[in-house]
Amino acid sequence: QVIALIEVDAPPVAPPHSATGADGRDNISGVTWLPF
């Protein structure tokens, strides 16, 4: 197993509770699979 940390170039997210980011969920990246 090899691990690393990756910084993602993404536009700044709207702050929580703003009109476009009501609960901060734009920060969610979840889990992505890059298959064998």
ModelCIF file with pLDDT and N, C-alpha, C, O atoms, coordinates in Angstrom:
data_MODEL
#
_entry.id   MODEL 
#
_entity.id                         1 
_entity.type                       polymer 
_entity.pdbx_number_of_molecules   1 
#
_entity_poly.entity_id                      1 
_entity_poly.type                           'polypeptide(L)' 
_entity_poly.nstd_linkage                   no 
_entity_poly.nstd_monomer                   no 
_entity_poly.pdbx_seq_one_letter_code       QVIALIEVDAPPVAPPHSATGADGRDNISGVTWLPF 
_entity_poly.pdbx_seq_one_letter_code_can   QVIALIEVDAPPVAPPHSATGADGRDNISGVTWLPF 
_entity_poly.pdbx_strand_id                 A 
#
loop_
_entity_poly_seq.entity_id 
_entity_poly_seq.num 
_entity_poly_seq.mon_id 
_entity_poly_seq.hetero 
1 1  GLN n 
1 2  VAL n 
1 3  ILE n 
1 4  ALA n 
1 5  LEU n 
1 6  ILE n 
1 7  GLU n 
1 8  VAL n 
1 9  ASP n 
1 10 ALA n 
1 11 PRO n 
1 12 PRO n 
1 13 VAL n 
1 14 ALA n 
1 15 PRO n 
1 16 PRO n 
1 17 HIS n 
1 18 SER n 
1 19 ALA n 
1 20 THR n 
1 21 GLY n 
1 22 ALA n 
1 23 ASP n 
1 24 GLY n 
1 25 ARG n 
1 26 ASP n 
1 27 ASN n 
1 28 ILE n 
1 29 SER n 
1 30 GLY n 
1 31 VAL n 
1 32 THR n 
1 33 TRP n 
1 34 LEU n 
1 35 PRO n 
1 36 PHE n 
#
_struct_asym.id          A 
_struct_asym.entity_id   1 
#
loop_
_ma_qa_metric.id 
_ma_qa_metric.mode 
_ma_qa_metric.name 
_ma_qa_metric.software_group_id 
_ma_qa_metric.type 
1 global pLDDT . pLDDT 
2 local  pLDDT . pLDDT 
#
_ma_qa_metric_global.metric_id      1 
_ma_qa_metric_global.metric_value   71.06 
_ma_qa_metric_global.model_id       1 
_ma_qa_metric_global.ordinal_id     1 
#
loop_
_ma_qa_metric_local.label_asym_id 
_ma_qa_metric_local.label_comp_id 
_ma_qa_metric_local.label_seq_id 
_ma_qa_metric_local.metric_id 
_ma_qa_metric_local.metric_value 
_ma_qa_metric_local.model_id 
_ma_qa_metric_local.ordinal_id 
A GLN 1  2 97.00 1 1  
A VAL 2  2 97.00 1 2  
A ILE 3  2 96.00 1 3  
A ALA 4  2 97.00 1 4  
A LEU 5  2 96.00 1 5  
A ILE 6  2 96.00 1 6  
A GLU 7  2 94.00 1 7  
A VAL 8  2 94.00 1 8  
A ASP 9  2 92.00 1 9  
A ALA 10 2 77.00 1 10 
A PRO 11 2 58.00 1 11 
A PRO 12 2 57.00 1 12 
A VAL 13 2 57.00 1 13 
A ALA 14 2 51.00 1 14 
A PRO 15 2 52.00 1 15 
A PRO 16 2 47.00 1 16 
A HIS 17 2 43.00 1 17 
A SER 18 2 40.00 1 18 
A ALA 19 2 37.00 1 19 
A THR 20 2 38.00 1 20 
A GLY 21 2 40.00 1 21 
A ALA 22 2 40.00 1 22 
A ASP 23 2 40.00 1 23 
A GLY 24 2 44.00 1 24 
A ARG 25 2 45.00 1 25 
A ASP 26 2 49.00 1 26 
A ASN 27 2 55.00 1 27 
A ILE 28 2 73.00 1 28 
A SER 29 2 83.00 1 29 
A GLY 30 2 90.00 1 30 
A VAL 31 2 95.00 1 31 
A THR 32 2 97.00 1 32 
A TRP 33 2 98.00 1 33 
A LEU 34 2 98.00 1 34 
A PRO 35 2 98.00 1 35 
A PHE 36 2 97.00 1 36 
#
loop_
_atom_site.group_PDB 
_atom_site.id 
_atom_site.type_symbol 
_atom_site.label_atom_id 
_atom_site.label_alt_id 
_atom_site.label_comp_id 
_atom_site.label_asym_id 
_atom_site.label_entity_id 
_atom_site.label_seq_id 
_atom_site.pdbx_PDB_ins_code 
_atom_site.Cartn_x 
_atom_site.Cartn_y 
_atom_site.Cartn_z 
_atom_site.occupancy 
_atom_site.B_iso_or_equiv 
_atom_site.pdbx_formal_charge 
_atom_site.auth_seq_id 
_atom_site.auth_comp_id 
_atom_site.auth_asym_id 
_atom_site.auth_atom_id 
_atom_site.pdbx_PDB_model_num 
ATOM 1   N N  . GLN A 1 1  ? 0.829   -1.203 0.000   1.00 97.00 ? 1  GLN A N  1 
ATOM 2   C CA . GLN A 1 1  ? 0.000   0.000  0.000   1.00 97.00 ? 1  GLN A CA 1 
ATOM 3   C C  . GLN A 1 1  ? 0.868   1.259  0.000   1.00 97.00 ? 1  GLN A C  1 
ATOM 4   O O  . GLN A 1 1  ? 1.820   1.380  0.771   1.00 97.00 ? 1  GLN A O  1 
ATOM 5   N N  . VAL A 1 2  ? 0.513   2.189  -0.885  1.00 97.00 ? 2  VAL A N  1 
ATOM 6   C CA . VAL A 1 2  ? 1.178   3.495  -0.973  1.00 97.00 ? 2  VAL A CA 1 
ATOM 7   C C  . VAL A 1 2  ? 0.126   4.558  -0.694  1.00 97.00 ? 2  VAL A C  1 
ATOM 8   O O  . VAL A 1 2  ? -0.985  4.491  -1.218  1.00 97.00 ? 2  VAL A O  1 
ATOM 9   N N  . ILE A 1 3  ? 0.476   5.539  0.132   1.00 96.00 ? 3  ILE A N  1 
ATOM 10  C CA . ILE A 1 3  ? -0.467  6.618  0.437   1.00 96.00 ? 3  ILE A CA 1 
ATOM 11  C C  . ILE A 1 3  ? 0.206   7.972  0.224   1.00 96.00 ? 3  ILE A C  1 
ATOM 12  O O  . ILE A 1 3  ? 1.431   8.093  0.258   1.00 96.00 ? 3  ILE A O  1 
ATOM 13  N N  . ALA A 1 4  ? -0.626  8.977  0.005   1.00 97.00 ? 4  ALA A N  1 
ATOM 14  C CA . ALA A 1 4  ? -0.143  10.341 -0.166  1.00 97.00 ? 4  ALA A CA 1 
ATOM 15  C C  . ALA A 1 4  ? -1.318  11.285 0.080   1.00 97.00 ? 4  ALA A C  1 
ATOM 16  O O  . ALA A 1 4  ? -2.465  10.853 0.191   1.00 97.00 ? 4  ALA A O  1 
ATOM 17  N N  . LEU A 1 5  ? -1.017  12.561 0.163   1.00 96.00 ? 5  LEU A N  1 
ATOM 18  C CA . LEU A 1 5  ? -2.040  13.594 0.276   1.00 96.00 ? 5  LEU A CA 1 
ATOM 19  C C  . LEU A 1 5  ? -2.020  14.447 -0.991  1.00 96.00 ? 5  LEU A C  1 
ATOM 20  O O  . LEU A 1 5  ? -0.959  14.836 -1.479  1.00 96.00 ? 5  LEU A O  1 
ATOM 21  N N  . ILE A 1 6  ? -3.195  14.724 -1.504  1.00 96.00 ? 6  ILE A N  1 
ATOM 22  C CA . ILE A 1 6  ? -3.321  15.486 -2.751  1.00 96.00 ? 6  ILE A CA 1 
ATOM 23  C C  . ILE A 1 6  ? -4.121  16.760 -2.489  1.00 96.00 ? 6  ILE A C  1 
ATOM 24  O O  . ILE A 1 6  ? -5.226  16.710 -1.950  1.00 96.00 ? 6  ILE A O  1 
ATOM 25  N N  . GLU A 1 7  ? -3.553  17.896 -2.873  1.00 94.00 ? 7  GLU A N  1 
ATOM 26  C CA . GLU A 1 7  ? -4.299  19.149 -2.851  1.00 94.00 ? 7  GLU A CA 1 
ATOM 27  C C  . GLU A 1 7  ? -5.051  19.285 -4.169  1.00 94.00 ? 7  GLU A C  1 
ATOM 28  O O  . GLU A 1 7  ? -4.469  19.136 -5.243  1.00 94.00 ? 7  GLU A O  1 
ATOM 29  N N  . VAL A 1 8  ? -6.326  19.563 -4.082  1.00 94.00 ? 8  VAL A N  1 
ATOM 30  C CA . VAL A 1 8  ? -7.174  19.622 -5.272  1.00 94.00 ? 8  VAL A CA 1 
ATOM 31  C C  . VAL A 1 8  ? -7.405  21.076 -5.665  1.00 94.00 ? 8  VAL A C  1 
ATOM 32  O O  . VAL A 1 8  ? -7.862  21.888 -4.861  1.00 94.00 ? 8  VAL A O  1 
ATOM 33  N N  . ASP A 1 9  ? -7.083  21.386 -6.912  1.00 92.00 ? 9  ASP A N  1 
ATOM 34  C CA . ASP A 1 9  ? -7.392  22.718 -7.439  1.00 92.00 ? 9  ASP A CA 1 
ATOM 35  C C  . ASP A 1 9  ? -8.888  22.801 -7.670  1.00 92.00 ? 9  ASP A C  1 
ATOM 36  O O  . ASP A 1 9  ? -9.410  22.208 -8.614  1.00 92.00 ? 9  ASP A O  1 
ATOM 37  N N  . ALA A 1 10 ? -9.564  23.518 -6.828  1.00 77.00 ? 10 ALA A N  1 
ATOM 38  C CA . ALA A 1 10 ? -11.017 23.655 -6.941  1.00 77.00 ? 10 ALA A CA 1 
ATOM 39  C C  . ALA A 1 10 ? -11.372 25.082 -6.581  1.00 77.00 ? 10 ALA A C  1 
ATOM 40  O O  . ALA A 1 10 ? -10.682 25.695 -5.767  1.00 77.00 ? 10 ALA A O  1 
ATOM 41  N N  . PRO A 1 11 ? -12.431 25.632 -7.163  1.00 58.00 ? 11 PRO A N  1 
ATOM 42  C CA . PRO A 1 11 ? -12.826 26.992 -6.805  1.00 58.00 ? 11 PRO A CA 1 
ATOM 43  C C  . PRO A 1 11 ? -13.185 27.049 -5.327  1.00 58.00 ? 11 PRO A C  1 
ATOM 44  O O  . PRO A 1 11 ? -13.681 26.065 -4.778  1.00 58.00 ? 11 PRO A O  1 
ATOM 45  N N  . PRO A 1 12 ? -12.948 28.167 -4.679  1.00 57.00 ? 12 PRO A N  1 
ATOM 46  C CA . PRO A 1 12 ? -13.316 28.277 -3.264  1.00 57.00 ? 12 PRO A CA 1 
ATOM 47  C C  . PRO A 1 12 ? -14.790 27.962 -3.069  1.00 57.00 ? 12 PRO A C  1 
ATOM 48  O O  . PRO A 1 12 ? -15.638 28.384 -3.856  1.00 57.00 ? 12 PRO A O  1 
ATOM 49  N N  . VAL A 1 13 ? -15.083 27.219 -2.016  1.00 57.00 ? 13 VAL A N  1 
ATOM 50  C CA . VAL A 1 13 ? -16.472 26.877 -1.744  1.00 57.00 ? 13 VAL A CA 1 
ATOM 51  C C  . VAL A 1 13 ? -17.150 28.030 -1.041  1.00 57.00 ? 13 VAL A C  1 
ATOM 52  O O  . VAL A 1 13 ? -16.513 28.853 -0.384  1.00 57.00 ? 13 VAL A O  1 
ATOM 53  N N  . ALA A 1 14 ? -18.468 28.066 -1.199  1.00 51.00 ? 14 ALA A N  1 
ATOM 54  C CA . ALA A 1 14 ? -19.233 29.086 -0.488  1.00 51.00 ? 14 ALA A CA 1 
ATOM 55  C C  . ALA A 1 14 ? -19.184 28.798 1.002   1.00 51.00 ? 14 ALA A C  1 
ATOM 56  O O  . ALA A 1 14 ? -19.247 27.632 1.392   1.00 51.00 ? 14 ALA A O  1 
ATOM 57  N N  . PRO A 1 15 ? -19.077 29.804 1.842   1.00 52.00 ? 15 PRO A N  1 
ATOM 58  C CA . PRO A 1 15 ? -19.035 29.552 3.289   1.00 52.00 ? 15 PRO A CA 1 
ATOM 59  C C  . PRO A 1 15 ? -20.343 28.949 3.764   1.00 52.00 ? 15 PRO A C  1 
ATOM 60  O O  . PRO A 1 15 ? -21.391 29.194 3.168   1.00 52.00 ? 15 PRO A O  1 
ATOM 61  N N  . PRO A 1 16 ? -20.294 28.154 4.841   1.00 47.00 ? 16 PRO A N  1 
ATOM 62  C CA . PRO A 1 16 ? -21.531 27.579 5.369   1.00 47.00 ? 16 PRO A CA 1 
ATOM 63  C C  . PRO A 1 16 ? -22.561 28.658 5.656   1.00 47.00 ? 16 PRO A C  1 
ATOM 64  O O  . PRO A 1 16 ? -22.237 29.760 6.098   1.00 47.00 ? 16 PRO A O  1 
ATOM 65  N N  . HIS A 1 17 ? -23.816 28.305 5.389   1.00 43.00 ? 17 HIS A N  1 
ATOM 66  C CA . HIS A 1 17 ? -24.972 29.156 5.679   1.00 43.00 ? 17 HIS A CA 1 
ATOM 67  C C  . HIS A 1 17 ? -25.081 30.361 4.743   1.00 43.00 ? 17 HIS A C  1 
ATOM 68  O O  . HIS A 1 17 ? -25.905 31.250 4.961   1.00 43.00 ? 17 HIS A O  1 
ATOM 69  N N  . SER A 1 18 ? -24.237 30.384 3.688   1.00 40.00 ? 18 SER A N  1 
ATOM 70  C CA . SER A 1 18 ? -24.429 31.441 2.702   1.00 40.00 ? 18 SER A CA 1 
ATOM 71  C C  . SER A 1 18 ? -25.541 31.018 1.756   1.00 40.00 ? 18 SER A C  1 
ATOM 72  O O  . SER A 1 18 ? -26.053 29.902 1.847   1.00 40.00 ? 18 SER A O  1 
ATOM 73  N N  . ALA A 1 19 ? -25.912 31.913 0.848   1.00 37.00 ? 19 ALA A N  1 
ATOM 74  C CA . ALA A 1 19 ? -27.030 31.608 -0.047  1.00 37.00 ? 19 ALA A CA 1 
ATOM 75  C C  . ALA A 1 19 ? -26.733 30.410 -0.933  1.00 37.00 ? 19 ALA A C  1 
ATOM 76  O O  . ALA A 1 19 ? -27.646 29.667 -1.296  1.00 37.00 ? 19 ALA A O  1 
ATOM 77  N N  . THR A 1 20 ? -25.448 30.210 -1.292  1.00 38.00 ? 20 THR A N  1 
ATOM 78  C CA . THR A 1 20 ? -25.115 29.105 -2.192  1.00 38.00 ? 20 THR A CA 1 
ATOM 79  C C  . THR A 1 20 ? -24.496 27.914 -1.477  1.00 38.00 ? 20 THR A C  1 
ATOM 80  O O  . THR A 1 20 ? -24.275 26.874 -2.097  1.00 38.00 ? 20 THR A O  1 
ATOM 81  N N  . GLY A 1 21 ? -24.218 28.042 -0.212  1.00 40.00 ? 21 GLY A N  1 
ATOM 82  C CA . GLY A 1 21 ? -23.601 26.948 0.531   1.00 40.00 ? 21 GLY A CA 1 
ATOM 83  C C  . GLY A 1 21 ? -24.268 26.786 1.877   1.00 40.00 ? 21 GLY A C  1 
ATOM 84  O O  . GLY A 1 21 ? -23.621 26.895 2.918   1.00 40.00 ? 21 GLY A O  1 
ATOM 85  N N  . ALA A 1 22 ? -25.552 26.526 1.857   1.00 40.00 ? 22 ALA A N  1 
ATOM 86  C CA . ALA A 1 22 ? -26.362 26.601 3.063   1.00 40.00 ? 22 ALA A CA 1 
ATOM 87  C C  . ALA A 1 22 ? -25.872 25.716 4.188   1.00 40.00 ? 22 ALA A C  1 
ATOM 88  O O  . ALA A 1 22 ? -25.999 26.098 5.352   1.00 40.00 ? 22 ALA A O  1 
ATOM 89  N N  . ASP A 1 23 ? -25.324 24.562 3.899   1.00 40.00 ? 23 ASP A N  1 
ATOM 90  C CA . ASP A 1 23 ? -24.886 23.701 5.006   1.00 40.00 ? 23 ASP A CA 1 
ATOM 91  C C  . ASP A 1 23 ? -23.441 23.229 4.839   1.00 40.00 ? 23 ASP A C  1 
ATOM 92  O O  . ASP A 1 23 ? -23.020 22.293 5.519   1.00 40.00 ? 23 ASP A O  1 
ATOM 93  N N  . GLY A 1 24 ? -22.689 23.849 3.963   1.00 44.00 ? 24 GLY A N  1 
ATOM 94  C CA . GLY A 1 24 ? -21.281 23.504 3.810   1.00 44.00 ? 24 GLY A CA 1 
ATOM 95  C C  . GLY A 1 24 ? -21.012 22.250 3.017   1.00 44.00 ? 24 GLY A C  1 
ATOM 96  O O  . GLY A 1 24 ? -19.866 21.803 2.968   1.00 44.00 ? 24 GLY A O  1 
ATOM 97  N N  . ARG A 1 25 ? -22.017 21.658 2.392   1.00 45.00 ? 25 ARG A N  1 
ATOM 98  C CA . ARG A 1 25 ? -21.798 20.376 1.729   1.00 45.00 ? 25 ARG A CA 1 
ATOM 99  C C  . ARG A 1 25 ? -20.967 20.489 0.460   1.00 45.00 ? 25 ARG A C  1 
ATOM 100 O O  . ARG A 1 25 ? -20.509 19.469 -0.054  1.00 45.00 ? 25 ARG A O  1 
ATOM 101 N N  . ASP A 1 26 ? -20.756 21.687 -0.060  1.00 49.00 ? 26 ASP A N  1 
ATOM 102 C CA . ASP A 1 26 ? -19.863 21.815 -1.213  1.00 49.00 ? 26 ASP A CA 1 
ATOM 103 C C  . ASP A 1 26 ? -18.444 21.398 -0.864  1.00 49.00 ? 26 ASP A C  1 
ATOM 104 O O  . ASP A 1 26 ? -17.641 21.150 -1.764  1.00 49.00 ? 26 ASP A O  1 
ATOM 105 N N  . ASN A 1 27 ? -18.109 21.313 0.434   1.00 55.00 ? 27 ASN A N  1 
ATOM 106 C CA . ASN A 1 27 ? -16.789 20.861 0.856   1.00 55.00 ? 27 ASN A CA 1 
ATOM 107 C C  . ASN A 1 27 ? -16.620 19.353 0.717   1.00 55.00 ? 27 ASN A C  1 
ATOM 108 O O  . ASN A 1 27 ? -15.499 18.851 0.805   1.00 55.00 ? 27 ASN A O  1 
ATOM 109 N N  . ILE A 1 28 ? -17.707 18.624 0.504   1.00 73.00 ? 28 ILE A N  1 
ATOM 110 C CA . ILE A 1 28 ? -17.648 17.167 0.507   1.00 73.00 ? 28 ILE A CA 1 
ATOM 111 C C  . ILE A 1 28 ? -17.011 16.647 -0.778  1.00 73.00 ? 28 ILE A C  1 
ATOM 112 O O  . ILE A 1 28 ? -17.452 16.974 -1.879  1.00 73.00 ? 28 ILE A O  1 
ATOM 113 N N  . SER A 1 29 ? -15.971 15.835 -0.622  1.00 83.00 ? 29 SER A N  1 
ATOM 114 C CA . SER A 1 29 ? -15.391 15.165 -1.788  1.00 83.00 ? 29 SER A CA 1 
ATOM 115 C C  . SER A 1 29 ? -15.748 13.692 -1.804  1.00 83.00 ? 29 SER A C  1 
ATOM 116 O O  . SER A 1 29 ? -15.617 13.036 -2.837  1.00 83.00 ? 29 SER A O  1 
ATOM 117 N N  . GLY A 1 30 ? -16.207 13.149 -0.654  1.00 90.00 ? 30 GLY A N  1 
ATOM 118 C CA . GLY A 1 30 ? -16.621 11.757 -0.597  1.00 90.00 ? 30 GLY A CA 1 
ATOM 119 C C  . GLY A 1 30 ? -15.455 10.816 -0.846  1.00 90.00 ? 30 GLY A C  1 
ATOM 120 O O  . GLY A 1 30 ? -14.320 11.100 -0.463  1.00 90.00 ? 30 GLY A O  1 
ATOM 121 N N  . VAL A 1 31 ? -15.745 9.692  -1.491  1.00 95.00 ? 31 VAL A N  1 
ATOM 122 C CA . VAL A 1 31 ? -14.731 8.681  -1.786  1.00 95.00 ? 31 VAL A CA 1 
ATOM 123 C C  . VAL A 1 31 ? -14.815 8.367  -3.282  1.00 95.00 ? 31 VAL A C  1 
ATOM 124 O O  . VAL A 1 31 ? -15.879 8.015  -3.792  1.00 95.00 ? 31 VAL A O  1 
ATOM 125 N N  . THR A 1 32 ? -13.699 8.495  -3.967  1.00 97.00 ? 32 THR A N  1 
ATOM 126 C CA . THR A 1 32 ? -13.627 8.247  -5.409  1.00 97.00 ? 32 THR A CA 1 
ATOM 127 C C  . THR A 1 32 ? -12.809 6.994  -5.664  1.00 97.00 ? 32 THR A C  1 
ATOM 128 O O  . THR A 1 32 ? -11.803 6.747  -5.000  1.00 97.00 ? 32 THR A O  1 
ATOM 129 N N  . TRP A 1 33 ? -13.257 6.204  -6.637  1.00 98.00 ? 33 TRP A N  1 
ATOM 130 C CA . TRP A 1 33 ? -12.606 4.949  -6.988  1.00 98.00 ? 33 TRP A CA 1 
ATOM 131 C C  . TRP A 1 33 ? -11.929 5.072  -8.337  1.00 98.00 ? 33 TRP A C  1 
ATOM 132 O O  . TRP A 1 33 ? -12.548 5.476  -9.321  1.00 98.00 ? 33 TRP A O  1 
ATOM 133 N N  . LEU A 1 34 ? -10.648 4.719  -8.377  1.00 98.00 ? 34 LEU A N  1 
ATOM 134 C CA . LEU A 1 34 ? -9.910  4.598  -9.628  1.00 98.00 ? 34 LEU A CA 1 
ATOM 135 C C  . LEU A 1 34 ? -9.551  3.126  -9.775  1.00 98.00 ? 34 LEU A C  1 
ATOM 136 O O  . LEU A 1 34 ? -8.583  2.664  -9.172  1.00 98.00 ? 34 LEU A O  1 
ATOM 137 N N  . PRO A 1 35 ? -10.328 2.374  -10.579 1.00 98.00 ? 35 PRO A N  1 
ATOM 138 C CA . PRO A 1 35 ? -10.230 0.913  -10.563 1.00 98.00 ? 35 PRO A CA 1 
ATOM 139 C C  . PRO A 1 35 ? -8.922  0.355  -11.125 1.00 98.00 ? 35 PRO A C  1 
ATOM 140 O O  . PRO A 1 35 ? -8.230  0.981  -11.928 1.00 98.00 ? 35 PRO A O  1 
ATOM 141 N N  . PHE A 1 36 ? -8.629  -0.839 -10.664 1.00 97.00 ? 36 PHE A N  1 
ATOM 142 C CA . PHE A 1 36 ? -7.580  -1.695 -11.213 1.00 97.00 ? 36 PHE A CA 1 
ATOM 143 C C  . PHE A 1 36 ? -7.842  -1.890 -12.706 1.00 97.00 ? 36 PHE A C  1 
ATOM 144 O O  . PHE A 1 36 ? -7.080  -2.581 -13.382 1.00 97.00 ? 36 PHE A O  1 
#
